[in-house]
Amino acid sequence: MQITIAGAGIGGLALALMLHQRGVDCRVYESAQVLRPLGVGINLLPHAVNELEQLGLLDLLSERAIATSSLHYYNKLGQPIWREPRGLQAGYPLPQFSIHRGEFQMLLADTVRARLGPDAIVTGMALESASQDGDRACATFRSRADGSVHTVQADAVVGADGIHSALRRQFYPTGDEPRFSGRMLWRAVTEADPYLDGRTMFMAGHQDQKFVCYPISEPLRRDGRSLINWIAELAIPDATLPATDWNRSVDKSVFADRFADWRWDWIDIPAIIDGAQAIYEFPLVDRDPLPRWTRGRLTLLGDAAHPMYPIGSNGSAQAILDARCLADSLAQVRRGQLRALETALLEYEAERLPRTAGIVLRNRLNGPEQVMQMAEERAPQGFQNINDIISNDELQAVSLRYKQLAGFDPAALRRQTGAQP
């Protein structure tokens, strides 16, 4: 069996490692001519870390990533709404990690090349289309270097080519436009003194004005410093979705005045914004859940299948879970437990599509971050005690409901890993 994977992002690279581990041959094709450690921070939730641990990557992650200790929510005045431990501190059998996305991608790419061979990732090849002829799938790529067209045959083609997926566009050429929330994100990293314990993630504000912060470098933490990933988010009245360039560099003057007085005794948000060398602007977008991901021997994975708002730290985790499920299904064909490869792809879709569709829709309701909106609506001028306006039971219910939906409540993960309660 030979699988062609379009896209060397987190999902595509994780899939390559998982297929290799199960004895299934594959090759990854990436549109970028050179893989570079681009982007900003991401979170790897414990259920995703469980999959990475099965690949033998836990030690490498522990050396580079922050093992997140807790998650805090605050209102726009810096008053605490909800605090909960995360990772090992919350009783999970595995950590929650925060790491620079580009550094994590390069870790995966280096591991793919080391285990599958130096030619396992072919760069500079952008997927244009895919088709099926009997028991073979065909992917057509265009070279970024000279524009030449290359055709690759395999047993299946997996489109892991992101939110602008060519394979998704082929499946759904109309009626699948990105849904713009009317909110913009400004993302950057800043080296600074640690805040709180140096391992805490926090969010402050509400759905129309929010600031997110978390450290992403374990080596810097050991040196008494912090590489802080941050996101500023604002609702933009009468905003329209940019036609192109969803990742452009902008000056802080575009948004920073809205956070000018967000200085509290444990953090200075204007100083963190000032310390960034480059700030990138993103529209907050997703796409509606699809009725199908799979057509014969062609299927979608990760952001190509289910782009979602970056709420609840779930995008990368769900791509990794997709990869494990798809690899398991294809391995059943290799072992003779399933006769048809097409059935394996449909089994994967049946398992993962409804789960991820629920997360996409719940993230539109702000996921676990809705506690900040509840506080804003019930007490816009602040409060003496959060439980005067939101009961502790209500706060706990919001947190647990999202963990269960996304598949990372502690009890379920302990059962999955065989860890003791």
Foldseek 3Di string as FASTA:
>chain_A
DEEEEEALALLRLLLLLLLVVLVYHYAYEYQAQDQALDDFKFKAAPVLVVSVVVSVCQVVQVQWWFQAFKEWEAELQRHTQDIDTGAVNNVFPGTMTMARRSVVSVVSVVVSCVRNHVRRYHYQWHWQEKDDDPQKIKTWTAGNVPRDIDIDIDRFYEFAPAQVTNHLCVVPVPDWDKDFPQKKKKKFKFKAAAFDPLRYWYKYHADAWIKTKGFTTPVVVVVRITTIIMMTMHRHPPDDDDPDQQWDWDDCVVPLVVCCPVDDPGDDVSVRSVRGPTMTMHTFIWTQQDPAQDDQRYGYAQNSHTNAGCAPSQRSSLSSVLSNQLSVLVSCCVVVVDVGNSVSRVSSCVVRRVLRNVVRVCVSVVQLSCSNVQCCVQPVPDDPDSCVRPNPVRNVCSVQVSCVSSVHDRVRSCVVVVHDD
